[in-house]
Amino acid sequence: MLFVADLICDVKGKPRLPIPILFRDKMIKSFERLANLPIRILFRSHGELIETDNNYEIFMNMKKMTIKPLNPMARKYQRIFHLPPIVRETKKRAKL
């Protein structure tokens, strides 16, 4: 058993990456390490648990998602998240 927290999120029943990804290289290494462990049950913070006989495939698919270019929404959140909190809050208020 492994608690993966937000490493694998659930969006409409499909595994997805958390947004934003702050340390892409570290995330890729984590997926590679986890893929080689004998894990049968993955507990997530958001979504159902995952029971599997092939966790290698799950973590390698997550690694592929990490390597792919971000979609427009994820790019937007990635840019905003790198701003200091005071700037993010100011931008949020400006839209209201």
N, C-alpha and C. Protein backbone atom coordinates (compact mmCIF):
# COMPACT_ATOMS: atom_id res chain seq x y z
N MET A 1 0.84 -1.18 0.00
CA MET A 1 0.00 0.00 0.00
C MET A 1 0.88 1.24 0.00
N LEU A 2 0.38 2.26 -0.68
CA LEU A 2 1.12 3.52 -0.73
C LEU A 2 0.12 4.67 -0.76
N PHE A 3 0.37 5.69 0.06
CA PHE A 3 -0.43 6.91 0.02
C PHE A 3 0.27 7.87 -0.93
N VAL A 4 -0.34 8.11 -2.09
CA VAL A 4 0.30 8.98 -3.09
C VAL A 4 -0.15 10.43 -2.97
N ALA A 5 -1.05 10.70 -2.02
CA ALA A 5 -1.53 12.07 -1.78
C ALA A 5 -2.03 12.69 -3.07
N ASP A 6 -1.45 13.82 -3.49
CA ASP A 6 -1.87 14.51 -4.71
C ASP A 6 -0.97 14.20 -5.89
N LEU A 7 -0.12 13.22 -5.78
CA LEU A 7 0.76 12.87 -6.90
C LEU A 7 -0.05 12.37 -8.09
N ILE A 8 -1.14 11.67 -7.80
CA ILE A 8 -2.07 11.22 -8.85
C ILE A 8 -3.45 11.71 -8.45
N CYS A 9 -3.96 12.69 -9.17
CA CYS A 9 -5.29 13.24 -8.89
C CYS A 9 -6.33 12.49 -9.72
N ASP A 10 -7.59 12.68 -9.39
CA ASP A 10 -8.69 12.06 -10.11
C ASP A 10 -9.53 13.18 -10.72
N VAL A 11 -9.63 13.20 -12.05
CA VAL A 11 -10.47 14.18 -12.74
C VAL A 11 -11.42 13.40 -13.63
N LYS A 12 -12.69 13.41 -13.26
CA LYS A 12 -13.73 12.69 -14.00
C LYS A 12 -13.36 11.23 -14.19
N GLY A 13 -12.83 10.61 -13.13
CA GLY A 13 -12.51 9.20 -13.15
C GLY A 13 -11.21 8.83 -13.83
N LYS A 14 -10.45 9.82 -14.27
CA LYS A 14 -9.18 9.54 -14.94
C LYS A 14 -8.02 10.08 -14.10
N PRO A 15 -6.89 9.37 -14.10
CA PRO A 15 -5.73 9.88 -13.36
C PRO A 15 -5.14 11.11 -14.04
N ARG A 16 -4.87 12.13 -13.26
CA ARG A 16 -4.31 13.38 -13.78
C ARG A 16 -3.22 13.86 -12.84
N LEU A 17 -2.38 14.73 -13.38
CA LEU A 17 -1.31 15.35 -12.59
C LEU A 17 -1.86 16.50 -11.77
N PRO A 18 -1.22 16.81 -10.66
CA PRO A 18 -1.60 18.00 -9.92
C PRO A 18 -1.18 19.25 -10.69
N ILE A 19 -1.87 20.35 -10.44
CA ILE A 19 -1.51 21.62 -11.07
C ILE A 19 -1.26 22.60 -9.94
N PRO A 20 -0.19 23.33 -9.95
CA PRO A 20 0.92 23.32 -10.90
C PRO A 20 1.96 22.27 -10.51
N ILE A 21 2.80 21.96 -11.46
CA ILE A 21 3.94 21.08 -11.22
C ILE A 21 5.14 21.98 -11.03
N LEU A 22 5.61 22.06 -9.80
CA LEU A 22 6.70 22.99 -9.50
C LEU A 22 8.08 22.40 -9.77
N PHE A 23 8.22 21.10 -9.58
CA PHE A 23 9.53 20.46 -9.74
C PHE A 23 9.38 19.27 -10.67
N ARG A 24 9.27 19.55 -11.95
CA ARG A 24 9.01 18.54 -12.97
C ARG A 24 10.04 17.40 -12.93
N ASP A 25 11.32 17.72 -12.86
CA ASP A 25 12.36 16.68 -12.87
C ASP A 25 12.25 15.77 -11.64
N LYS A 26 11.96 16.36 -10.49
CA LYS A 26 11.81 15.55 -9.28
C LYS A 26 10.58 14.65 -9.37
N MET A 27 9.51 15.17 -9.97
CA MET A 27 8.30 14.38 -10.13
C MET A 27 8.57 13.18 -11.04
N ILE A 28 9.29 13.40 -12.12
CA ILE A 28 9.62 12.32 -13.05
C ILE A 28 10.44 11.24 -12.33
N LYS A 29 11.42 11.66 -11.56
CA LYS A 29 12.24 10.69 -10.80
C LYS A 29 11.39 9.93 -9.79
N SER A 30 10.45 10.61 -9.16
CA SER A 30 9.57 9.95 -8.20
C SER A 30 8.73 8.87 -8.89
N PHE A 31 8.17 9.20 -10.05
CA PHE A 31 7.38 8.20 -10.78
C PHE A 31 8.24 7.00 -11.16
N GLU A 32 9.47 7.25 -11.57
CA GLU A 32 10.37 6.15 -11.94
C GLU A 32 10.66 5.25 -10.74
N ARG A 33 10.91 5.85 -9.59
CA ARG A 33 11.20 5.07 -8.38
C ARG A 33 9.98 4.27 -7.93
N LEU A 34 8.83 4.94 -7.91
CA LEU A 34 7.61 4.28 -7.46
C LEU A 34 7.21 3.13 -8.39
N ALA A 35 7.50 3.27 -9.67
CA ALA A 35 7.14 2.23 -10.64
C ALA A 35 7.82 0.90 -10.33
N ASN A 36 8.95 0.95 -9.68
CA ASN A 36 9.71 -0.27 -9.39
C ASN A 36 9.42 -0.89 -8.03
N LEU A 37 8.49 -0.31 -7.29
CA LEU A 37 8.12 -0.86 -5.99
C LEU A 37 6.96 -1.86 -6.14
N PRO A 38 6.91 -2.87 -5.28
CA PRO A 38 5.82 -3.85 -5.35
C PRO A 38 4.56 -3.32 -4.64
N ILE A 39 3.83 -2.46 -5.31
CA ILE A 39 2.66 -1.81 -4.72
C ILE A 39 1.40 -2.34 -5.42
N ARG A 40 0.40 -2.67 -4.64
CA ARG A 40 -0.86 -3.15 -5.22
C ARG A 40 -2.03 -2.19 -4.97
N ILE A 41 -1.91 -1.35 -3.95
CA ILE A 41 -2.99 -0.41 -3.63
C ILE A 41 -2.41 0.98 -3.47
N LEU A 42 -3.01 1.95 -4.19
CA LEU A 42 -2.59 3.35 -4.12
C LEU A 42 -3.75 4.15 -3.53
N PHE A 43 -3.48 4.86 -2.45
CA PHE A 43 -4.48 5.73 -1.84
C PHE A 43 -4.20 7.16 -2.29
N ARG A 44 -5.26 7.85 -2.75
CA ARG A 44 -5.11 9.23 -3.20
C ARG A 44 -5.84 10.17 -2.25
N SER A 45 -5.40 11.42 -2.22
CA SER A 45 -6.11 12.43 -1.43
C SER A 45 -7.45 12.76 -2.06
N HIS A 46 -7.50 12.74 -3.38
CA HIS A 46 -8.72 13.08 -4.12
C HIS A 46 -9.01 11.96 -5.11
N GLY A 47 -10.09 11.26 -4.89
CA GLY A 47 -10.45 10.17 -5.79
C GLY A 47 -10.40 8.83 -5.10
N GLU A 48 -10.88 7.84 -5.81
CA GLU A 48 -10.93 6.49 -5.27
C GLU A 48 -9.54 5.89 -5.18
N LEU A 49 -9.41 4.87 -4.34
CA LEU A 49 -8.13 4.17 -4.29
C LEU A 49 -7.95 3.39 -5.59
N ILE A 50 -6.72 3.07 -5.92
CA ILE A 50 -6.40 2.33 -7.13
C ILE A 50 -5.84 0.98 -6.71
N GLU A 51 -6.51 -0.09 -7.15
CA GLU A 51 -6.00 -1.44 -6.93
C GLU A 51 -5.42 -1.92 -8.25
N THR A 52 -4.20 -2.44 -8.22
CA THR A 52 -3.53 -2.81 -9.46
C THR A 52 -2.55 -3.97 -9.27
N ASP A 53 -2.36 -4.70 -10.33
CA ASP A 53 -1.30 -5.71 -10.38
C ASP A 53 -0.12 -5.19 -11.18
N ASN A 54 -0.30 -3.98 -11.76
CA ASN A 54 0.74 -3.43 -12.63
C ASN A 54 0.96 -1.95 -12.32
N ASN A 55 1.51 -1.66 -11.15
CA ASN A 55 1.74 -0.26 -10.81
C ASN A 55 2.81 0.37 -11.71
N TYR A 56 3.67 -0.45 -12.30
CA TYR A 56 4.69 0.07 -13.22
C TYR A 56 4.01 0.84 -14.35
N GLU A 57 2.97 0.27 -14.93
CA GLU A 57 2.26 0.92 -16.03
C GLU A 57 1.61 2.23 -15.58
N ILE A 58 1.02 2.23 -14.40
CA ILE A 58 0.37 3.44 -13.88
C ILE A 58 1.39 4.57 -13.74
N PHE A 59 2.52 4.29 -13.08
CA PHE A 59 3.50 5.35 -12.84
C PHE A 59 4.21 5.77 -14.12
N MET A 60 4.41 4.86 -15.06
CA MET A 60 5.03 5.25 -16.33
C MET A 60 4.08 6.10 -17.17
N ASN A 61 2.77 5.84 -17.08
CA ASN A 61 1.80 6.70 -17.76
C ASN A 61 1.79 8.09 -17.14
N MET A 62 1.91 8.16 -15.82
CA MET A 62 1.97 9.46 -15.16
C MET A 62 3.25 10.20 -15.57
N LYS A 63 4.33 9.47 -15.71
CA LYS A 63 5.59 10.07 -16.16
C LYS A 63 5.42 10.66 -17.56
N LYS A 64 4.75 9.92 -18.45
CA LYS A 64 4.50 10.42 -19.82
C LYS A 64 3.69 11.71 -19.78
N MET A 65 2.69 11.77 -18.90
CA MET A 65 1.89 13.00 -18.77
C MET A 65 2.76 14.16 -18.31
N THR A 66 3.71 13.87 -17.43
CA THR A 66 4.59 14.91 -16.89
C THR A 66 5.48 15.49 -17.98
N ILE A 67 5.89 14.65 -18.92
CA ILE A 67 6.80 15.07 -19.98
C ILE A 67 6.07 15.84 -21.08
N LYS A 68 4.78 15.53 -21.31
CA LYS A 68 4.02 16.21 -22.37
C LYS A 68 3.93 17.71 -22.10
N PRO A 69 3.79 18.50 -23.18
CA PRO A 69 3.57 19.94 -22.99
C PRO A 69 2.25 20.19 -22.24
N LEU A 70 2.21 21.24 -21.46
CA LEU A 70 1.01 21.58 -20.69
C LEU A 70 -0.09 22.10 -21.60
N ASN A 71 -1.35 21.82 -21.25
CA ASN A 71 -2.47 22.39 -21.99
C ASN A 71 -2.62 23.85 -21.58
N PRO A 72 -3.41 24.64 -22.31
CA PRO A 72 -3.51 26.08 -22.01
C PRO A 72 -3.92 26.41 -20.58
N MET A 73 -4.89 25.68 -20.02
CA MET A 73 -5.31 25.96 -18.65
C MET A 73 -4.18 25.69 -17.66
N ALA A 74 -3.50 24.57 -17.83
CA ALA A 74 -2.39 24.23 -16.92
C ALA A 74 -1.26 25.24 -17.04
N ARG A 75 -1.00 25.72 -18.27
CA ARG A 75 0.05 26.74 -18.46
C ARG A 75 -0.31 28.01 -17.70
N LYS A 76 -1.58 28.40 -17.77
CA LYS A 76 -2.03 29.61 -17.07
C LYS A 76 -1.79 29.48 -15.57
N TYR A 77 -2.22 28.37 -14.98
CA TYR A 77 -2.02 28.16 -13.55
C TYR A 77 -0.54 28.08 -13.19
N GLN A 78 0.23 27.48 -14.06
CA GLN A 78 1.68 27.36 -13.82
C GLN A 78 2.31 28.76 -13.73
N ARG A 79 1.92 29.64 -14.66
CA ARG A 79 2.47 31.01 -14.66
C ARG A 79 2.03 31.78 -13.41
N ILE A 80 0.75 31.70 -13.09
CA ILE A 80 0.21 32.44 -11.96
C ILE A 80 0.82 31.96 -10.65
N PHE A 81 1.00 30.65 -10.50
CA PHE A 81 1.47 30.10 -9.24
C PHE A 81 2.88 30.55 -8.90
N HIS A 82 3.66 30.87 -9.91
CA HIS A 82 5.04 31.30 -9.65
C HIS A 82 5.12 32.75 -9.16
N LEU A 83 3.99 33.46 -9.19
CA LEU A 83 3.97 34.82 -8.66
C LEU A 83 3.86 34.77 -7.14
N PRO A 84 4.38 35.78 -6.46
CA PRO A 84 4.23 35.82 -5.00
C PRO A 84 2.75 35.89 -4.62
N PRO A 85 2.36 35.38 -3.45
CA PRO A 85 0.95 35.36 -3.05
C PRO A 85 0.27 36.73 -3.10
N ILE A 86 0.96 37.78 -2.73
CA ILE A 86 0.34 39.11 -2.74
C ILE A 86 -0.03 39.52 -4.16
N VAL A 87 0.78 39.17 -5.14
CA VAL A 87 0.49 39.50 -6.54
C VAL A 87 -0.68 38.66 -7.02
N ARG A 88 -0.70 37.38 -6.68
CA ARG A 88 -1.82 36.51 -7.09
C ARG A 88 -3.13 37.04 -6.53
N GLU A 89 -3.13 37.45 -5.27
CA GLU A 89 -4.34 37.97 -4.64
C GLU A 89 -4.80 39.26 -5.31
N THR A 90 -3.86 40.13 -5.65
CA THR A 90 -4.19 41.39 -6.32
C THR A 90 -4.80 41.12 -7.69
N LYS A 91 -4.24 40.19 -8.45
CA LYS A 91 -4.77 39.85 -9.76
C LYS A 91 -6.18 39.26 -9.63
N LYS A 92 -6.40 38.45 -8.59
CA LYS A 92 -7.71 37.84 -8.38
C LYS A 92 -8.75 38.92 -8.09
N ARG A 93 -8.39 39.89 -7.24
CA ARG A 93 -9.32 40.98 -6.90
C ARG A 93 -9.61 41.85 -8.10
N ALA A 94 -8.63 42.06 -8.96
CA ALA A 94 -8.81 42.91 -10.14
C ALA A 94 -9.86 42.32 -11.08
N LYS A 95 -9.99 41.00 -11.10
CA LYS A 95 -10.98 40.35 -11.97
C LYS A 95 -12.39 40.45 -11.41
N LEU A 96 -12.52 40.64 -10.09
CA LEU A 96 -13.85 40.73 -9.47
C LEU A 96 -14.41 42.07 -9.77
